Amino acid sequence: MAKKQKADLLQGTLDMLILKSLLEGPRHGYGVAKWIQVTTKDALKIEEGSLYPALHRMQKRGWVKSEWGVSESNRRAKYYQLTSDGRAQLTTEVKAWSHLVAAISLVLNSNLAEA
């Protein structure tokens, strides 16, 4: 079996991915990480050491709020929910990301003779 390649996230994309994962409703941390992994077909795996500091940072900024609940496995878990400020931040980050992707695409699709 081939080893899975690990993808390094560009700085700043983790927040956008987490906010997007919460768009359809509250999730606990494991649920956020699993959603990202499944949605990206295993291309991205978010480690706990990155996920929870990001969630706490976003909570301090008012982008997410949290409350304790019971997970699918009947265990106590903290659920994170997107706030209106979080929705606005997601919109801002998606626009910035789209602009960056478009700029990189211009470079990748350019003809070297044009320079």
N, C-alpha and C. Protein backbone atom coordinates (compact mmCIF):
# COMPACT_ATOMS: atom_id res chain seq x y z
N MET A 1 0.85 -1.19 0.00
CA MET A 1 0.00 0.00 0.00
C MET A 1 0.89 1.24 0.00
N ALA A 2 0.57 2.18 -0.84
CA ALA A 2 1.36 3.41 -0.93
C ALA A 2 1.08 4.30 0.28
N LYS A 3 2.13 4.99 0.70
CA LYS A 3 1.96 5.93 1.81
C LYS A 3 1.11 7.10 1.37
N LYS A 4 0.28 7.57 2.29
CA LYS A 4 -0.51 8.77 1.99
C LYS A 4 0.41 9.97 2.01
N GLN A 5 0.24 10.82 1.04
CA GLN A 5 1.02 12.05 1.01
C GLN A 5 0.36 13.05 1.94
N LYS A 6 1.20 13.72 2.73
CA LYS A 6 0.67 14.76 3.62
C LYS A 6 0.72 16.09 2.88
N ALA A 7 -0.38 16.81 2.95
CA ALA A 7 -0.44 18.12 2.30
C ALA A 7 -0.27 19.20 3.36
N ASP A 8 0.67 20.09 3.13
CA ASP A 8 0.83 21.23 4.03
C ASP A 8 -0.15 22.30 3.60
N LEU A 9 -0.88 22.81 4.57
CA LEU A 9 -1.83 23.87 4.27
C LEU A 9 -1.11 25.19 4.17
N LEU A 10 -1.48 25.99 3.19
CA LEU A 10 -0.95 27.35 3.14
C LEU A 10 -1.43 28.08 4.37
N GLN A 11 -0.58 28.95 4.87
CA GLN A 11 -0.94 29.70 6.06
C GLN A 11 -2.25 30.44 5.83
N GLY A 12 -3.16 30.31 6.77
CA GLY A 12 -4.44 31.01 6.69
C GLY A 12 -5.58 30.19 6.12
N THR A 13 -5.29 29.05 5.50
CA THR A 13 -6.39 28.28 4.92
C THR A 13 -7.11 27.42 5.95
N LEU A 14 -6.45 27.10 7.05
CA LEU A 14 -7.08 26.25 8.06
C LEU A 14 -8.35 26.89 8.60
N ASP A 15 -8.29 28.18 8.94
CA ASP A 15 -9.48 28.86 9.45
C ASP A 15 -10.63 28.78 8.45
N MET A 16 -10.32 29.02 7.19
CA MET A 16 -11.35 28.98 6.15
C MET A 16 -11.99 27.59 6.07
N LEU A 17 -11.18 26.55 6.12
CA LEU A 17 -11.70 25.19 6.05
C LEU A 17 -12.57 24.85 7.26
N ILE A 18 -12.14 25.27 8.43
CA ILE A 18 -12.92 25.02 9.65
C ILE A 18 -14.25 25.76 9.58
N LEU A 19 -14.20 27.04 9.21
CA LEU A 19 -15.44 27.82 9.11
C LEU A 19 -16.39 27.19 8.11
N LYS A 20 -15.87 26.74 6.98
CA LYS A 20 -16.71 26.10 5.96
C LYS A 20 -17.34 24.82 6.51
N SER A 21 -16.59 24.06 7.30
CA SER A 21 -17.12 22.82 7.85
C SER A 21 -18.29 23.06 8.81
N LEU A 22 -18.33 24.24 9.40
CA LEU A 22 -19.39 24.57 10.36
C LEU A 22 -20.58 25.26 9.70
N LEU A 23 -20.50 25.50 8.41
CA LEU A 23 -21.56 26.23 7.70
C LEU A 23 -22.90 25.51 7.77
N GLU A 24 -22.88 24.19 7.72
CA GLU A 24 -24.15 23.46 7.71
C GLU A 24 -24.64 23.08 9.11
N GLY A 25 -23.89 23.43 10.14
CA GLY A 25 -24.35 23.16 11.49
C GLY A 25 -23.21 22.87 12.45
N PRO A 26 -23.53 22.79 13.74
CA PRO A 26 -22.50 22.55 14.76
C PRO A 26 -21.80 21.19 14.58
N ARG A 27 -20.53 21.18 14.92
CA ARG A 27 -19.74 19.94 14.90
C ARG A 27 -18.76 19.97 16.06
N HIS A 28 -18.42 18.80 16.57
CA HIS A 28 -17.34 18.73 17.56
C HIS A 28 -16.02 18.70 16.79
N GLY A 29 -14.91 18.87 17.51
CA GLY A 29 -13.61 18.95 16.85
C GLY A 29 -13.31 17.79 15.94
N TYR A 30 -13.55 16.57 16.41
CA TYR A 30 -13.30 15.39 15.58
C TYR A 30 -14.17 15.44 14.33
N GLY A 31 -15.41 15.90 14.48
CA GLY A 31 -16.32 16.01 13.33
C GLY A 31 -15.83 17.01 12.30
N VAL A 32 -15.24 18.11 12.77
CA VAL A 32 -14.66 19.11 11.87
C VAL A 32 -13.52 18.48 11.07
N ALA A 33 -12.60 17.84 11.79
CA ALA A 33 -11.44 17.22 11.14
C ALA A 33 -11.88 16.14 10.16
N LYS A 34 -12.84 15.32 10.56
CA LYS A 34 -13.33 14.23 9.70
C LYS A 34 -14.01 14.79 8.46
N TRP A 35 -14.81 15.86 8.61
CA TRP A 35 -15.49 16.47 7.47
C TRP A 35 -14.47 16.96 6.44
N ILE A 36 -13.42 17.62 6.92
CA ILE A 36 -12.39 18.12 6.01
C ILE A 36 -11.69 16.96 5.30
N GLN A 37 -11.36 15.92 6.05
CA GLN A 37 -10.68 14.77 5.47
C GLN A 37 -11.55 14.07 4.43
N VAL A 38 -12.82 13.84 4.75
CA VAL A 38 -13.73 13.16 3.82
C VAL A 38 -14.01 14.03 2.60
N THR A 39 -14.27 15.32 2.83
CA THR A 39 -14.60 16.23 1.74
C THR A 39 -13.44 16.36 0.75
N THR A 40 -12.21 16.31 1.26
CA THR A 40 -11.04 16.43 0.38
C THR A 40 -10.54 15.06 -0.10
N LYS A 41 -11.34 14.03 0.12
CA LYS A 41 -10.99 12.66 -0.29
C LYS A 41 -9.61 12.26 0.24
N ASP A 42 -9.41 12.53 1.52
CA ASP A 42 -8.18 12.19 2.25
C ASP A 42 -6.96 13.00 1.84
N ALA A 43 -7.13 14.04 1.05
CA ALA A 43 -5.98 14.87 0.65
C ALA A 43 -5.49 15.72 1.81
N LEU A 44 -6.41 16.12 2.69
CA LEU A 44 -6.05 16.95 3.84
C LEU A 44 -6.46 16.25 5.12
N LYS A 45 -5.53 16.16 6.04
CA LYS A 45 -5.82 15.60 7.36
C LYS A 45 -5.37 16.63 8.38
N ILE A 46 -6.31 17.12 9.16
CA ILE A 46 -6.01 18.15 10.15
C ILE A 46 -5.67 17.47 11.47
N GLU A 47 -4.50 17.76 11.99
CA GLU A 47 -4.06 17.17 13.25
C GLU A 47 -4.64 17.96 14.42
N GLU A 48 -4.85 17.27 15.54
CA GLU A 48 -5.41 17.91 16.74
C GLU A 48 -4.57 19.10 17.18
N GLY A 49 -3.25 18.99 17.03
CA GLY A 49 -2.36 20.06 17.45
C GLY A 49 -2.52 21.35 16.66
N SER A 50 -3.15 21.27 15.50
CA SER A 50 -3.48 22.45 14.70
C SER A 50 -4.94 22.84 14.87
N LEU A 51 -5.81 21.84 14.94
CA LEU A 51 -7.25 22.07 14.96
C LEU A 51 -7.72 22.82 16.20
N TYR A 52 -7.38 22.30 17.38
CA TYR A 52 -7.94 22.89 18.60
C TYR A 52 -7.41 24.30 18.89
N PRO A 53 -6.13 24.59 18.67
CA PRO A 53 -5.70 25.99 18.82
C PRO A 53 -6.44 26.92 17.85
N ALA A 54 -6.69 26.44 16.62
CA ALA A 54 -7.42 27.27 15.65
C ALA A 54 -8.85 27.50 16.12
N LEU A 55 -9.51 26.46 16.61
CA LEU A 55 -10.89 26.62 17.11
C LEU A 55 -10.94 27.59 18.28
N HIS A 56 -9.97 27.49 19.20
CA HIS A 56 -9.94 28.41 20.34
C HIS A 56 -9.67 29.84 19.89
N ARG A 57 -8.77 30.01 18.94
CA ARG A 57 -8.48 31.35 18.40
C ARG A 57 -9.72 31.94 17.75
N MET A 58 -10.44 31.13 16.98
CA MET A 58 -11.65 31.61 16.30
C MET A 58 -12.75 31.92 17.31
N GLN A 59 -12.78 31.17 18.40
CA GLN A 59 -13.77 31.46 19.43
C GLN A 59 -13.47 32.81 20.09
N LYS A 60 -12.20 33.08 20.36
CA LYS A 60 -11.81 34.36 20.94
C LYS A 60 -12.15 35.53 20.02
N ARG A 61 -12.06 35.29 18.72
CA ARG A 61 -12.37 36.33 17.73
C ARG A 61 -13.87 36.48 17.49
N GLY A 62 -14.66 35.59 18.07
CA GLY A 62 -16.11 35.67 17.91
C GLY A 62 -16.63 35.03 16.64
N TRP A 63 -15.81 34.24 15.96
CA TRP A 63 -16.23 33.60 14.72
C TRP A 63 -17.00 32.32 14.97
N VAL A 64 -16.72 31.67 16.10
CA VAL A 64 -17.45 30.46 16.50
C VAL A 64 -17.80 30.57 17.97
N LYS A 65 -18.84 29.84 18.35
CA LYS A 65 -19.17 29.71 19.76
C LYS A 65 -19.24 28.22 20.04
N SER A 66 -19.16 27.86 21.32
CA SER A 66 -19.16 26.44 21.64
C SER A 66 -20.07 26.14 22.82
N GLU A 67 -20.50 24.90 22.86
CA GLU A 67 -21.25 24.40 24.02
C GLU A 67 -21.04 22.90 24.11
N TRP A 68 -21.15 22.40 25.32
CA TRP A 68 -20.96 20.97 25.54
C TRP A 68 -22.21 20.21 25.14
N GLY A 69 -21.99 19.04 24.59
CA GLY A 69 -23.08 18.16 24.20
C GLY A 69 -22.61 16.72 24.26
N VAL A 70 -23.43 15.83 23.72
CA VAL A 70 -23.10 14.40 23.70
C VAL A 70 -22.89 13.98 22.25
N SER A 71 -21.78 13.31 22.00
CA SER A 71 -21.44 12.89 20.64
C SER A 71 -22.23 11.65 20.23
N GLU A 72 -22.04 11.25 18.98
CA GLU A 72 -22.72 10.07 18.44
C GLU A 72 -22.34 8.81 19.22
N SER A 73 -21.16 8.82 19.83
CA SER A 73 -20.69 7.66 20.60
C SER A 73 -21.03 7.78 22.08
N ASN A 74 -21.96 8.68 22.40
CA ASN A 74 -22.44 8.89 23.78
C ASN A 74 -21.37 9.44 24.71
N ARG A 75 -20.43 10.18 24.16
CA ARG A 75 -19.38 10.80 24.97
C ARG A 75 -19.59 12.30 25.00
N ARG A 76 -19.14 12.91 26.07
CA ARG A 76 -19.23 14.36 26.20
C ARG A 76 -18.26 15.00 25.19
N ALA A 77 -18.75 15.99 24.46
CA ALA A 77 -17.92 16.65 23.45
C ALA A 77 -18.31 18.12 23.35
N LYS A 78 -17.33 18.95 23.03
CA LYS A 78 -17.60 20.37 22.82
C LYS A 78 -17.97 20.57 21.35
N TYR A 79 -19.13 21.15 21.13
CA TYR A 79 -19.61 21.42 19.77
C TYR A 79 -19.38 22.89 19.43
N TYR A 80 -18.88 23.12 18.24
CA TYR A 80 -18.59 24.47 17.76
C TYR A 80 -19.62 24.86 16.71
N GLN A 81 -20.04 26.12 16.79
CA GLN A 81 -21.07 26.62 15.88
C GLN A 81 -20.62 27.95 15.30
N LEU A 82 -20.89 28.15 14.03
CA LEU A 82 -20.55 29.37 13.33
C LEU A 82 -21.42 30.53 13.83
N THR A 83 -20.82 31.69 14.04
CA THR A 83 -21.58 32.89 14.41
C THR A 83 -21.77 33.74 13.15
N SER A 84 -22.54 34.81 13.28
CA SER A 84 -22.72 35.70 12.12
C SER A 84 -21.38 36.33 11.72
N ASP A 85 -20.54 36.66 12.71
CA ASP A 85 -19.20 37.18 12.40
C ASP A 85 -18.36 36.11 11.69
N GLY A 86 -18.55 34.87 12.07
CA GLY A 86 -17.85 33.77 11.42
C GLY A 86 -18.28 33.59 9.98
N ARG A 87 -19.58 33.76 9.72
CA ARG A 87 -20.08 33.67 8.34
C ARG A 87 -19.47 34.79 7.49
N ALA A 88 -19.40 35.99 8.06
CA ALA A 88 -18.81 37.12 7.34
C ALA A 88 -17.33 36.87 7.08
N GLN A 89 -16.63 36.33 8.06
CA GLN A 89 -15.21 36.02 7.90
C GLN A 89 -15.01 34.96 6.83
N LEU A 90 -15.87 33.95 6.81
CA LEU A 90 -15.77 32.91 5.78
C LEU A 90 -15.92 33.52 4.39
N THR A 91 -16.89 34.41 4.22
CA THR A 91 -17.08 35.08 2.93
C THR A 91 -15.82 35.84 2.53
N THR A 92 -15.24 36.57 3.47
CA THR A 92 -14.02 37.33 3.22
C THR A 92 -12.87 36.40 2.81
N GLU A 93 -12.71 35.31 3.55
CA GLU A 93 -11.61 34.39 3.28
C GLU A 93 -11.79 33.65 1.95
N VAL A 94 -13.02 33.29 1.61
CA VAL A 94 -13.27 32.62 0.33
C VAL A 94 -12.95 33.56 -0.83
N LYS A 95 -13.33 34.83 -0.71
CA LYS A 95 -13.02 35.81 -1.76
C LYS A 95 -11.51 35.97 -1.92
N ALA A 96 -10.80 36.08 -0.80
CA ALA A 96 -9.34 36.23 -0.85
C ALA A 96 -8.69 34.98 -1.45
N TRP A 97 -9.17 33.81 -1.05
CA TRP A 97 -8.64 32.55 -1.57
C TRP A 97 -8.89 32.45 -3.08
N SER A 98 -10.09 32.79 -3.51
CA SER A 98 -10.43 32.73 -4.94
C SER A 98 -9.53 33.66 -5.75
N HIS A 99 -9.25 34.84 -5.20
CA HIS A 99 -8.36 35.79 -5.86
C HIS A 99 -6.95 35.21 -5.98
N LEU A 100 -6.47 34.59 -4.91
CA LEU A 100 -5.14 33.99 -4.91
C LEU A 100 -5.06 32.84 -5.91
N VAL A 101 -6.07 31.98 -5.93
CA VAL A 101 -6.10 30.85 -6.87
C VAL A 101 -6.09 31.36 -8.31
N ALA A 102 -6.86 32.41 -8.59
CA ALA A 102 -6.90 32.98 -9.94
C ALA A 102 -5.52 33.53 -10.32
N ALA A 103 -4.85 34.19 -9.39
CA ALA A 103 -3.52 34.74 -9.67
C ALA A 103 -2.51 33.63 -9.93
N ILE A 104 -2.55 32.59 -9.12
CA ILE A 104 -1.63 31.47 -9.31
C ILE A 104 -1.92 30.76 -10.64
N SER A 105 -3.18 30.64 -10.99
CA SER A 105 -3.55 30.02 -12.27
C SER A 105 -3.00 30.81 -13.44
N LEU A 106 -3.00 32.14 -13.34
CA LEU A 106 -2.42 32.97 -14.40
C LEU A 106 -0.94 32.64 -14.58
N VAL A 107 -0.25 32.48 -13.47
CA VAL A 107 1.18 32.16 -13.54
C VAL A 107 1.39 30.77 -14.14
N LEU A 108 0.64 29.79 -13.65
CA LEU A 108 0.82 28.42 -14.13
C LEU A 108 0.44 28.24 -15.59
N ASN A 109 -0.51 29.03 -16.05
CA ASN A 109 -0.97 28.91 -17.43
C ASN A 109 -0.29 29.88 -18.39
N SER A 110 0.66 30.66 -17.86
CA SER A 110 1.31 31.65 -18.71
C SER A 110 2.33 30.98 -19.63
N ASN A 111 2.59 31.66 -20.72
CA ASN A 111 3.60 31.22 -21.66
C ASN A 111 4.89 31.93 -21.28
N LEU A 112 5.95 31.19 -21.07
CA LEU A 112 7.21 31.81 -20.65
C LEU A 112 7.72 32.83 -21.65
N ALA A 113 7.37 32.68 -22.90
CA ALA A 113 7.81 33.63 -23.93
C ALA A 113 7.13 34.99 -23.77
N GLU A 114 6.01 35.02 -23.05
CA GLU A 114 5.28 36.28 -22.87
C GLU A 114 6.01 37.22 -21.92
N ALA A 115 6.86 36.71 -21.08
CA ALA A 115 7.50 37.52 -20.04
C ALA A 115 8.54 38.45 -20.56
